[in-house]
Amino acid sequence: ENVVQLKKGTMISFERWGKYRLAYPVRKNEYGVYFLGRFQTVKDAA
């Protein structure tokens, strides 16, 4: 949220989806926790 606001953007939402079993291990983990954040801002590659 701080990074988005520094670039004159606004957060729409940030949700913790929860813990899910992964299709394949990632960094030797069979489970992971997903988060989804949405924001709007002026198009800015920086």
All heavy atoms as atom14 arrays in JSON, in Angstrom:
{
  "sequence": "ENVVQLKKGTMISFERWGKYRLAYPVRKNEYGVYFLGRFQTVKDAA",
  "atom14_mask": [
    [1, 1, 1, 1, 1, 1, 1, 1, 1, 0, 0, 0, 0, 0],
    [1, 1, 1, 1, 1, 1, 1, 1, 0, 0, 0, 0, 0, 0],
    [1, 1, 1, 1, 1, 1, 1, 0, 0, 0, 0, 0, 0, 0],
    [1, 1, 1, 1, 1, 1, 1, 0, 0, 0, 0, 0, 0, 0],
    [1, 1, 1, 1, 1, 1, 1, 1, 1, 0, 0, 0, 0, 0],
    [1, 1, 1, 1, 1, 1, 1, 1, 0, 0, 0, 0, 0, 0],
    [1, 1, 1, 1, 1, 1, 1, 1, 1, 0, 0, 0, 0, 0],
    [1, 1, 1, 1, 1, 1, 1, 1, 1, 0, 0, 0, 0, 0],
    [1, 1, 1, 1, 0, 0, 0, 0, 0, 0, 0, 0, 0, 0],
    [1, 1, 1, 1, 1, 1, 1, 0, 0, 0, 0, 0, 0, 0],
    [1, 1, 1, 1, 1, 1, 1, 1, 0, 0, 0, 0, 0, 0],
    [1, 1, 1, 1, 1, 1, 1, 1, 0, 0, 0, 0, 0, 0],
    [1, 1, 1, 1, 1, 1, 0, 0, 0, 0, 0, 0, 0, 0],
    [1, 1, 1, 1, 1, 1, 1, 1, 1, 1, 1, 0, 0, 0],
    [1, 1, 1, 1, 1, 1, 1, 1, 1, 0, 0, 0, 0, 0],
    [1, 1, 1, 1, 1, 1, 1, 1, 1, 1, 1, 0, 0, 0],
    [1, 1, 1, 1, 1, 1, 1, 1, 1, 1, 1, 1, 1, 1],
    [1, 1, 1, 1, 0, 0, 0, 0, 0, 0, 0, 0, 0, 0],
    [1, 1, 1, 1, 1, 1, 1, 1, 1, 0, 0, 0, 0, 0],
    [1, 1, 1, 1, 1, 1, 1, 1, 1, 1, 1, 1, 0, 0],
    [1, 1, 1, 1, 1, 1, 1, 1, 1, 1, 1, 0, 0, 0],
    [1, 1, 1, 1, 1, 1, 1, 1, 0, 0, 0, 0, 0, 0],
    [1, 1, 1, 1, 1, 0, 0, 0, 0, 0, 0, 0, 0, 0],
    [1, 1, 1, 1, 1, 1, 1, 1, 1, 1, 1, 1, 0, 0],
    [1, 1, 1, 1, 1, 1, 1, 0, 0, 0, 0, 0, 0, 0],
    [1, 1, 1, 1, 1, 1, 1, 0, 0, 0, 0, 0, 0, 0],
    [1, 1, 1, 1, 1, 1, 1, 1, 1, 1, 1, 0, 0, 0],
    [1, 1, 1, 1, 1, 1, 1, 1, 1, 0, 0, 0, 0, 0],
    [1, 1, 1, 1, 1, 1, 1, 1, 0, 0, 0, 0, 0, 0],
    [1, 1, 1, 1, 1, 1, 1, 1, 1, 0, 0, 0, 0, 0],
    [1, 1, 1, 1, 1, 1, 1, 1, 1, 1, 1, 1, 0, 0],
    [1, 1, 1, 1, 0, 0, 0, 0, 0, 0, 0, 0, 0, 0],
    [1, 1, 1, 1, 1, 1, 1, 0, 0, 0, 0, 0, 0, 0],
    [1, 1, 1, 1, 1, 1, 1, 1, 1, 1, 1, 1, 0, 0],
    [1, 1, 1, 1, 1, 1, 1, 1, 1, 1, 1, 0, 0, 0],
    [1, 1, 1, 1, 1, 1, 1, 1, 0, 0, 0, 0, 0, 0],
    [1, 1, 1, 1, 0, 0, 0, 0, 0, 0, 0, 0, 0, 0],
    [1, 1, 1, 1, 1, 1, 1, 1, 1, 1, 1, 0, 0, 0],
    [1, 1, 1, 1, 1, 1, 1, 1, 1, 1, 1, 0, 0, 0],
    [1, 1, 1, 1, 1, 1, 1, 1, 1, 0, 0, 0, 0, 0],
    [1, 1, 1, 1, 1, 1, 1, 0, 0, 0, 0, 0, 0, 0],
    [1, 1, 1, 1, 1, 1, 1, 0, 0, 0, 0, 0, 0, 0],
    [1, 1, 1, 1, 1, 1, 1, 1, 1, 0, 0, 0, 0, 0],
    [1, 1, 1, 1, 1, 1, 1, 1, 0, 0, 0, 0, 0, 0],
    [1, 1, 1, 1, 1, 0, 0, 0, 0, 0, 0, 0, 0, 0],
    [1, 1, 1, 1, 1, 0, 0, 0, 0, 0, 0, 0, 0, 0]
  ],
  "atom14_positions": [
    [[0.83, -1.21, 0.0], [0.0, 0.0, 0.0], [0.87, 1.26, 0.0], [0.57, 2.23, -0.71], [-0.94, 0.0, 1.21], [-1.96, 1.1, 1.16], [-3.04, 0.94, 2.22], [-3.01, -0.02, 3.0], [-3.94, 1.8, 2.24], [0.0, 0.0, 0.0], [0.0, 0.0, 0.0], [0.0, 0.0, 0.0], [0.0, 0.0, 0.0], [0.0, 0.0, 0.0]],
    [[1.97, 1.26, 0.75], [2.88, 2.41, 0.77], [3.48, 2.69, -0.6], [3.55, 3.84, -1.04], [3.99, 2.21, 1.8], [3.51, 2.32, 3.23], [2.44, 2.85, 3.49], [4.3, 1.81, 4.15], [0.0, 0.0, 0.0], [0.0, 0.0, 0.0], [0.0, 0.0, 0.0], [0.0, 0.0, 0.0], [0.0, 0.0, 0.0], [0.0, 0.0, 0.0]],
    [[3.93, 1.64, -1.28], [4.52, 1.81, -2.61], [3.48, 2.37, -3.59], [3.77, 3.28, -4.36], [5.09, 0.47, -3.13], [5.48, 0.57, -4.6], [6.29, 0.04, -2.31], [0.0, 0.0, 0.0], [0.0, 0.0, 0.0], [0.0, 0.0, 0.0], [0.0, 0.0, 0.0], [0.0, 0.0, 0.0], [0.0, 0.0, 0.0], [0.0, 0.0, 0.0]],
    [[2.28, 1.84, -3.54], [1.21, 2.3, -4.43], [0.87, 3.76, -4.15], [0.73, 4.57, -5.07], [-0.04, 1.4, -4.31], [-1.22, 1.99, -5.04], [0.26, 0.0, -4.84], [0.0, 0.0, 0.0], [0.0, 0.0, 0.0], [0.0, 0.0, 0.0], [0.0, 0.0, 0.0], [0.0, 0.0, 0.0], [0.0, 0.0, 0.0], [0.0, 0.0, 0.0]],
    [[0.76, 4.13, -2.88], [0.4, 5.5, -2.52], [1.51, 6.49, -2.87], [1.23, 7.64, -3.22], [0.04, 5.59, -1.04], [-1.3, 4.96, -0.73], [-1.65, 4.97, 0.74], [-0.81, 5.26, 1.59], [-2.89, 4.64, 1.05], [0.0, 0.0, 0.0], [0.0, 0.0, 0.0], [0.0, 0.0, 0.0], [0.0, 0.0, 0.0], [0.0, 0.0, 0.0]],
    [[2.77, 6.07, -2.8], [3.88, 6.96, -3.19], [3.8, 7.35, -4.66], [4.24, 8.42, -5.04], [5.23, 6.28, -2.91], [5.7, 6.29, -1.47], [6.97, 5.46, -1.32], [5.93, 7.7, -0.97], [0.0, 0.0, 0.0], [0.0, 0.0, 0.0], [0.0, 0.0, 0.0], [0.0, 0.0, 0.0], [0.0, 0.0, 0.0], [0.0, 0.0, 0.0]],
    [[3.22, 6.48, -5.46], [3.07, 6.74, -6.9], [1.69, 7.29, -7.22], [1.21, 7.17, -8.34], [3.33, 5.46, -7.7], [4.71, 4.9, -7.53], [5.75, 5.82, -8.14], [7.12, 5.17, -8.03], [8.13, 5.97, -8.67], [0.0, 0.0, 0.0], [0.0, 0.0, 0.0], [0.0, 0.0, 0.0], [0.0, 0.0, 0.0], [0.0, 0.0, 0.0]],
    [[1.01, 7.86, -6.21], [-0.3, 8.5, -6.38], [-1.4, 7.51, -6.77], [-2.35, 7.86, -7.45], [-0.25, 9.64, -7.4], [0.84, 10.66, -7.16], [0.59, 11.46, -5.91], [1.57, 12.61, -5.8], [2.61, 12.43, -4.84], [0.0, 0.0, 0.0], [0.0, 0.0, 0.0], [0.0, 0.0, 0.0], [0.0, 0.0, 0.0], [0.0, 0.0, 0.0]],
    [[-1.26, 6.26, -6.33], [-2.28, 5.26, -6.61], [-3.1, 4.97, -5.36], [-2.81, 5.49, -4.28], [0.0, 0.0, 0.0], [0.0, 0.0, 0.0], [0.0, 0.0, 0.0], [0.0, 0.0, 0.0], [0.0, 0.0, 0.0], [0.0, 0.0, 0.0], [0.0, 0.0, 0.0], [0.0, 0.0, 0.0], [0.0, 0.0, 0.0], [0.0, 0.0, 0.0]],
    [[-4.13, 4.16, -5.52], [-4.95, 3.76, -4.38], [-5.17, 2.25, -4.39], [-5.31, 1.65, -5.45], [-6.35, 4.44, -4.42], [-6.98, 4.12, -5.65], [-6.23, 5.94, -4.28], [0.0, 0.0, 0.0], [0.0, 0.0, 0.0], [0.0, 0.0, 0.0], [0.0, 0.0, 0.0], [0.0, 0.0, 0.0], [0.0, 0.0, 0.0], [0.0, 0.0, 0.0]],
    [[-5.18, 1.68, -3.2], [-5.46, 0.24, -3.06], [-6.96, 0.03, -3.19], [-7.75, 0.78, -2.6], [-5.0, -0.28, -1.7], [-3.5, -0.43, -1.55], [-2.72, -1.6, -2.68], [-3.36, -3.16, -2.13], [0.0, 0.0, 0.0], [0.0, 0.0, 0.0], [0.0, 0.0, 0.0], [0.0, 0.0, 0.0], [0.0, 0.0, 0.0], [0.0, 0.0, 0.0]],
    [[-7.35, -0.93, -3.97], [-8.77, -1.3, -4.09], [-9.09, -2.37, -3.06], [-10.07, -2.27, -2.33], [-9.09, -1.81, -5.51], [-8.85, -0.69, -6.53], [-10.52, -2.32, -5.59], [-8.92, -1.15, -7.97], [0.0, 0.0, 0.0], [0.0, 0.0, 0.0], [0.0, 0.0, 0.0], [0.0, 0.0, 0.0], [0.0, 0.0, 0.0], [0.0, 0.0, 0.0]],
    [[-8.23, -3.39, -2.98], [-8.44, -4.47, -2.0], [-7.14, -5.24, -1.79], [-6.24, -5.22, -2.63], [-9.53, -5.43, -2.48], [-9.11, -6.09, -3.65], [0.0, 0.0, 0.0], [0.0, 0.0, 0.0], [0.0, 0.0, 0.0], [0.0, 0.0, 0.0], [0.0, 0.0, 0.0], [0.0, 0.0, 0.0], [0.0, 0.0, 0.0], [0.0, 0.0, 0.0]],
    [[-7.06, -5.91, -0.67], [-5.97, -6.83, -0.38], [-6.57, -7.94, 0.46], [-7.07, -7.7, 1.56], [-4.83, -6.15, 0.38], [-3.6, -7.02, 0.49], [-2.66, -7.04, -0.52], [-3.41, -7.84, 1.59], [-1.53, -7.84, -0.44], [-2.29, -8.65, 1.68], [-1.35, -8.64, 0.67], [0.0, 0.0, 0.0], [0.0, 0.0, 0.0], [0.0, 0.0, 0.0]],
    [[-6.57, -9.16, -0.08], [-7.22, -10.29, 0.59], [-6.26, -11.45, 0.78], [-5.46, -11.76, -0.11], [-8.39, -10.8, -0.23], [-9.53, -9.83, -0.35], [-10.67, -10.44, -1.15], [-11.16, -11.51, -0.73], [-11.04, -9.86, -2.17], [0.0, 0.0, 0.0], [0.0, 0.0, 0.0], [0.0, 0.0, 0.0], [0.0, 0.0, 0.0], [0.0, 0.0, 0.0]],
    [[-6.42, -12.11, 1.91], [-5.73, -13.38, 2.14], [-6.68, -14.46, 1.66], [-7.75, -14.65, 2.22], [-5.45, -13.55, 3.63], [-4.71, -14.82, 3.95], [-4.57, -14.97, 5.47], [-3.7, -16.06, 5.83], [-4.08, -17.34, 5.92], [-5.34, -17.66, 5.69], [-3.22, -18.27, 6.25], [0.0, 0.0, 0.0], [0.0, 0.0, 0.0], [0.0, 0.0, 0.0]],
    [[-6.29, -15.14, 0.59], [-7.15, -16.2, 0.04], [-7.13, -17.42, 0.93], [-8.1, -18.13, 1.06], [-6.7, -16.57, -1.36], [-7.26, -15.71, -2.43], [-7.94, -14.54, -2.28], [-7.21, -15.96, -3.82], [-8.29, -14.04, -3.49], [-7.86, -14.89, -4.47], [-6.67, -16.96, -4.59], [-7.99, -14.82, -5.83], [-6.79, -16.89, -5.96], [-7.45, -15.82, -6.57]],
    [[-5.97, -17.74, 1.47], [-5.87, -18.91, 2.35], [-4.79, -19.87, 1.9], [-4.05, -19.63, 0.95], [0.0, 0.0, 0.0], [0.0, 0.0, 0.0], [0.0, 0.0, 0.0], [0.0, 0.0, 0.0], [0.0, 0.0, 0.0], [0.0, 0.0, 0.0], [0.0, 0.0, 0.0], [0.0, 0.0, 0.0], [0.0, 0.0, 0.0], [0.0, 0.0, 0.0]],
    [[-4.75, -20.99, 2.59], [-3.73, -22.01, 2.36], [-4.25, -23.05, 1.37], [-5.36, -23.54, 1.5], [-3.39, -22.69, 3.68], [-2.25, -23.66, 3.62], [-1.96, -24.17, 5.02], [-0.8, -25.12, 5.04], [-0.51, -25.6, 6.39], [0.0, 0.0, 0.0], [0.0, 0.0, 0.0], [0.0, 0.0, 0.0], [0.0, 0.0, 0.0], [0.0, 0.0, 0.0]],
    [[-3.41, -23.37, 0.38], [-3.78, -24.35, -0.65], [-2.65, -25.34, -0.86], [-1.48, -25.02, -0.68], [-4.05, -23.64, -1.99], [-5.27, -22.77, -1.98], [-5.21, -21.44, -1.58], [-6.5, -23.28, -2.36], [-6.33, -20.65, -1.56], [-7.63, -22.49, -2.35], [-7.54, -21.18, -1.95], [-8.66, -20.4, -1.93], [0.0, 0.0, 0.0], [0.0, 0.0, 0.0]],
    [[-3.03, -26.54, -1.28], [-2.05, -27.54, -1.69], [-1.59, -27.17, -3.1], [-2.4, -26.9, -3.98], [-2.67, -28.94, -1.68], [-1.68, -30.02, -2.01], [-2.34, -31.4, -1.88], [-1.36, -32.41, -2.13], [-0.56, -32.93, -1.21], [-0.65, -32.52, 0.03], [0.33, -33.85, -1.52], [0.0, 0.0, 0.0], [0.0, 0.0, 0.0], [0.0, 0.0, 0.0]],
    [[-0.28, -27.17, -3.33], [0.28, -26.78, -4.61], [0.34, -27.98, -5.56], [0.46, -29.12, -5.13], [1.68, -26.2, -4.41], [1.77, -25.03, -3.43], [3.22, -24.62, -3.21], [0.96, -23.86, -3.93], [0.0, 0.0, 0.0], [0.0, 0.0, 0.0], [0.0, 0.0, 0.0], [0.0, 0.0, 0.0], [0.0, 0.0, 0.0], [0.0, 0.0, 0.0]],
    [[0.29, -27.71, -6.84], [0.35, -28.76, -7.85], [1.73, -29.42, -7.87], [1.86, -30.6, -8.19], [0.04, -28.19, -9.23], [0.0, 0.0, 0.0], [0.0, 0.0, 0.0], [0.0, 0.0, 0.0], [0.0, 0.0, 0.0], [0.0, 0.0, 0.0], [0.0, 0.0, 0.0], [0.0, 0.0, 0.0], [0.0, 0.0, 0.0], [0.0, 0.0, 0.0]],
    [[2.75, -28.66, -7.52], [4.11, -29.19, -7.43], [4.83, -28.4, -6.34], [4.47, -27.27, -6.03], [4.84, -29.07, -8.77], [4.89, -27.67, -9.31], [5.93, -26.8, -8.97], [3.91, -27.19, -10.16], [5.97, -25.51, -9.45], [3.94, -25.9, -10.66], [4.98, -25.07, -10.3], [5.02, -23.78, -10.77], [0.0, 0.0, 0.0], [0.0, 0.0, 0.0]],
    [[5.84, -28.99, -5.71], [6.55, -28.29, -4.64], [7.24, -27.02, -5.14], [7.82, -26.99, -6.22], [7.59, -29.3, -4.16], [7.11, -30.61, -4.63], [6.33, -30.36, -5.88], [0.0, 0.0, 0.0], [0.0, 0.0, 0.0], [0.0, 0.0, 0.0], [0.0, 0.0, 0.0], [0.0, 0.0, 0.0], [0.0, 0.0, 0.0], [0.0, 0.0, 0.0]],
    [[7.14, -25.97, -4.34], [7.83, -24.71, -4.6], [8.7, -24.44, -3.39], [8.19, -24.39, -2.26], [6.83, -23.55, -4.82], [7.57, -22.24, -5.02], [5.91, -23.84, -5.99], [0.0, 0.0, 0.0], [0.0, 0.0, 0.0], [0.0, 0.0, 0.0], [0.0, 0.0, 0.0], [0.0, 0.0, 0.0], [0.0, 0.0, 0.0], [0.0, 0.0, 0.0]],
    [[10.0, -24.34, -3.61], [10.97, -24.18, -2.52], [10.78, -25.26, -1.46], [10.78, -25.0, -0.26], [10.87, -22.8, -1.88], [11.34, -21.67, -2.74], [11.44, -20.43, -1.91], [11.69, -19.27, -2.74], [11.67, -18.03, -2.29], [11.42, -17.78, -1.03], [11.9, -17.02, -3.09], [0.0, 0.0, 0.0], [0.0, 0.0, 0.0], [0.0, 0.0, 0.0]],
    [[10.53, -26.46, -1.91], [10.36, -27.66, -1.08], [9.1, -27.62, -0.22], [8.97, -28.37, 0.74], [11.59, -27.89, -0.2], [12.86, -28.12, -1.0], [14.03, -28.38, -0.11], [15.29, -28.56, -0.95], [16.47, -28.78, -0.13], [0.0, 0.0, 0.0], [0.0, 0.0, 0.0], [0.0, 0.0, 0.0], [0.0, 0.0, 0.0], [0.0, 0.0, 0.0]],
    [[8.15, -26.74, -0.56], [6.87, -26.66, 0.16], [5.77, -27.25, -0.71], [5.68, -26.93, -1.89], [6.51, -25.21, 0.49], [7.42, -24.62, 1.54], [7.54, -25.15, 2.62], [8.07, -23.52, 1.2], [0.0, 0.0, 0.0], [0.0, 0.0, 0.0], [0.0, 0.0, 0.0], [0.0, 0.0, 0.0], [0.0, 0.0, 0.0], [0.0, 0.0, 0.0]],
    [[4.93, -28.08, -0.11], [3.78, -28.64, -0.82], [2.54, -27.79, -0.64], [1.54, -28.02, -1.3], [3.52, -30.07, -0.34], [4.62, -31.03, -0.76], [4.28, -32.47, -0.42], [3.09, -32.78, -0.18], [5.21, -33.28, -0.39], [0.0, 0.0, 0.0], [0.0, 0.0, 0.0], [0.0, 0.0, 0.0], [0.0, 0.0, 0.0], [0.0, 0.0, 0.0]],
    [[2.59, -26.82, 0.27], [1.46, -25.93, 0.53], [1.93, -24.48, 0.44], [3.12, -24.2, 0.62], [0.87, -26.18, 1.94], [0.28, -27.55, 2.09], [1.05, -28.63, 2.51], [-1.06, -27.77, 1.79], [0.5, -29.89, 2.64], [-1.62, -29.03, 1.91], [-0.83, -30.08, 2.33], [-1.38, -31.32, 2.44], [0.0, 0.0, 0.0], [0.0, 0.0, 0.0]],
    [[0.99, -23.58, 0.19], [1.3, -22.17, 0.16], [0.08, -21.35, 0.51], [-1.05, -21.83, 0.43], [0.0, 0.0, 0.0], [0.0, 0.0, 0.0], [0.0, 0.0, 0.0], [0.0, 0.0, 0.0], [0.0, 0.0, 0.0], [0.0, 0.0, 0.0], [0.0, 0.0, 0.0], [0.0, 0.0, 0.0], [0.0, 0.0, 0.0], [0.0, 0.0, 0.0]],
    [[0.31, -20.1, 0.89], [-0.77, -19.18, 1.23], [-0.83, -18.11, 0.14], [0.18, -17.49, -0.18], [-0.53, -18.53, 2.61], [-1.64, -17.53, 2.94], [-0.42, -19.6, 3.69], [0.0, 0.0, 0.0], [0.0, 0.0, 0.0], [0.0, 0.0, 0.0], [0.0, 0.0, 0.0], [0.0, 0.0, 0.0], [0.0, 0.0, 0.0], [0.0, 0.0, 0.0]],
    [[-2.01, -17.94, -0.44], [-2.2, -16.97, -1.52], [-2.8, -15.67, -1.0], [-3.66, -15.68, -0.11], [-3.15, -17.53, -2.6], [-2.49, -18.5, -3.53], [-2.54, -19.87, -3.28], [-1.81, -18.06, -4.65], [-1.94, -20.77, -4.13], [-1.2, -18.96, -5.51], [-1.27, -20.31, -5.24], [-0.67, -21.2, -6.1], [0.0, 0.0, 0.0], [0.0, 0.0, 0.0]],
    [[-2.34, -14.56, -1.6], [-2.86, -13.22, -1.34], [-3.17, -12.58, -2.68], [-2.44, -12.78, -3.65], [-1.83, -12.36, -0.6], [-1.49, -12.85, 0.77], [-0.47, -13.77, 0.97], [-2.18, -12.39, 1.88], [-0.15, -14.22, 2.23], [-1.87, -12.84, 3.16], [-0.85, -13.76, 3.33], [0.0, 0.0, 0.0], [0.0, 0.0, 0.0], [0.0, 0.0, 0.0]],
    [[-4.22, -11.78, -2.73], [-4.56, -11.04, -3.94], [-4.76, -9.58, -3.57], [-5.61, -9.25, -2.75], [-5.83, -11.58, -4.59], [-6.25, -10.85, -5.88], [-5.27, -11.15, -7.01], [-7.65, -11.24, -6.28], [0.0, 0.0, 0.0], [0.0, 0.0, 0.0], [0.0, 0.0, 0.0], [0.0, 0.0, 0.0], [0.0, 0.0, 0.0], [0.0, 0.0, 0.0]],
    [[-3.94, -8.71, -4.18], [-4.06, -7.28, -3.97], [-4.44, -6.61, -5.28], [-3.94, -7.0, -6.34], [0.0, 0.0, 0.0], [0.0, 0.0, 0.0], [0.0, 0.0, 0.0], [0.0, 0.0, 0.0], [0.0, 0.0, 0.0], [0.0, 0.0, 0.0], [0.0, 0.0, 0.0], [0.0, 0.0, 0.0], [0.0, 0.0, 0.0], [0.0, 0.0, 0.0]],
    [[-5.33, -5.63, -5.21], [-5.73, -4.89, -6.4], [-5.58, -3.4, -6.11], [-5.91, -2.94, -5.02], [-7.17, -5.21, -6.77], [-7.3, -6.63, -7.28], [-8.69, -6.95, -7.68], [-8.69, -8.21, -8.42], [-9.79, -8.8, -8.83], [-10.96, -8.25, -8.6], [-9.72, -9.93, -9.48], [0.0, 0.0, 0.0], [0.0, 0.0, 0.0], [0.0, 0.0, 0.0]],
    [[-5.1, -2.68, -7.12], [-4.89, -1.24, -6.96], [-5.06, -0.55, -8.29], [-5.03, -1.17, -9.34], [-3.52, -0.95, -6.36], [-2.35, -1.48, -7.15], [-1.7, -0.68, -8.07], [-1.9, -2.77, -6.96], [-0.62, -1.16, -8.8], [-0.83, -3.27, -7.68], [-0.18, -2.46, -8.6], [0.0, 0.0, 0.0], [0.0, 0.0, 0.0], [0.0, 0.0, 0.0]],
    [[-5.25, 0.77, -8.22], [-5.35, 1.56, -9.44], [-4.39, 2.73, -9.33], [-4.17, 3.27, -8.25], [-6.78, 2.02, -9.71], [-7.4, 2.9, -8.66], [-8.86, 3.17, -8.96], [-9.49, 2.47, -9.76], [-9.42, 4.19, -8.33], [0.0, 0.0, 0.0], [0.0, 0.0, 0.0], [0.0, 0.0, 0.0], [0.0, 0.0, 0.0], [0.0, 0.0, 0.0]],
    [[-3.86, 3.11, -10.47], [-2.88, 4.18, -10.52], [-2.7, 4.62, -11.97], [-3.26, 4.02, -12.89], [-1.52, 3.71, -9.94], [-0.63, 4.8, -9.88], [-0.92, 2.58, -10.76], [0.0, 0.0, 0.0], [0.0, 0.0, 0.0], [0.0, 0.0, 0.0], [0.0, 0.0, 0.0], [0.0, 0.0, 0.0], [0.0, 0.0, 0.0], [0.0, 0.0, 0.0]],
    [[-1.9, 5.65, -12.17], [-1.52, 6.05, -13.52], [-0.54, 4.99, -14.03], [0.28, 4.48, -13.27], [-0.85, 7.44, -13.49], [-0.34, 7.84, -14.86], [-1.79, 8.46, -12.93], [0.0, 0.0, 0.0], [0.0, 0.0, 0.0], [0.0, 0.0, 0.0], [0.0, 0.0, 0.0], [0.0, 0.0, 0.0], [0.0, 0.0, 0.0], [0.0, 0.0, 0.0]],
    [[-0.63, 4.65, -15.29], [0.27, 3.64, -15.85], [1.71, 4.09, -15.65], [2.1, 5.15, -16.11], [-0.04, 3.42, -17.33], [0.55, 2.15, -17.87], [-0.04, 1.79, -19.21], [0.4, 0.4, -19.59], [-0.27, -0.08, -20.77], [0.0, 0.0, 0.0], [0.0, 0.0, 0.0], [0.0, 0.0, 0.0], [0.0, 0.0, 0.0], [0.0, 0.0, 0.0]],
    [[2.46, 3.26, -14.91], [3.8, 3.65, -14.51], [4.68, 2.4, -14.37], [4.48, 1.59, -13.46], [3.74, 4.41, -13.18], [5.07, 4.97, -12.73], [6.06, 4.85, -13.47], [5.1, 5.54, -11.63], [0.0, 0.0, 0.0], [0.0, 0.0, 0.0], [0.0, 0.0, 0.0], [0.0, 0.0, 0.0], [0.0, 0.0, 0.0], [0.0, 0.0, 0.0]],
    [[5.65, 2.26, -15.25], [6.55, 1.1, -15.21], [7.42, 1.12, -13.96], [7.79, 0.07, -13.43], [7.42, 1.06, -16.46], [0.0, 0.0, 0.0], [0.0, 0.0, 0.0], [0.0, 0.0, 0.0], [0.0, 0.0, 0.0], [0.0, 0.0, 0.0], [0.0, 0.0, 0.0], [0.0, 0.0, 0.0], [0.0, 0.0, 0.0], [0.0, 0.0, 0.0]],
    [[7.74, 2.32, -13.47], [8.57, 2.42, -12.26], [7.86, 1.83, -11.05], [8.49, 1.2, -10.2], [8.94, 3.88, -12.01], [0.0, 0.0, 0.0], [0.0, 0.0, 0.0], [0.0, 0.0, 0.0], [0.0, 0.0, 0.0], [0.0, 0.0, 0.0], [0.0, 0.0, 0.0], [0.0, 0.0, 0.0], [0.0, 0.0, 0.0], [0.0, 0.0, 0.0]]
  ]
}
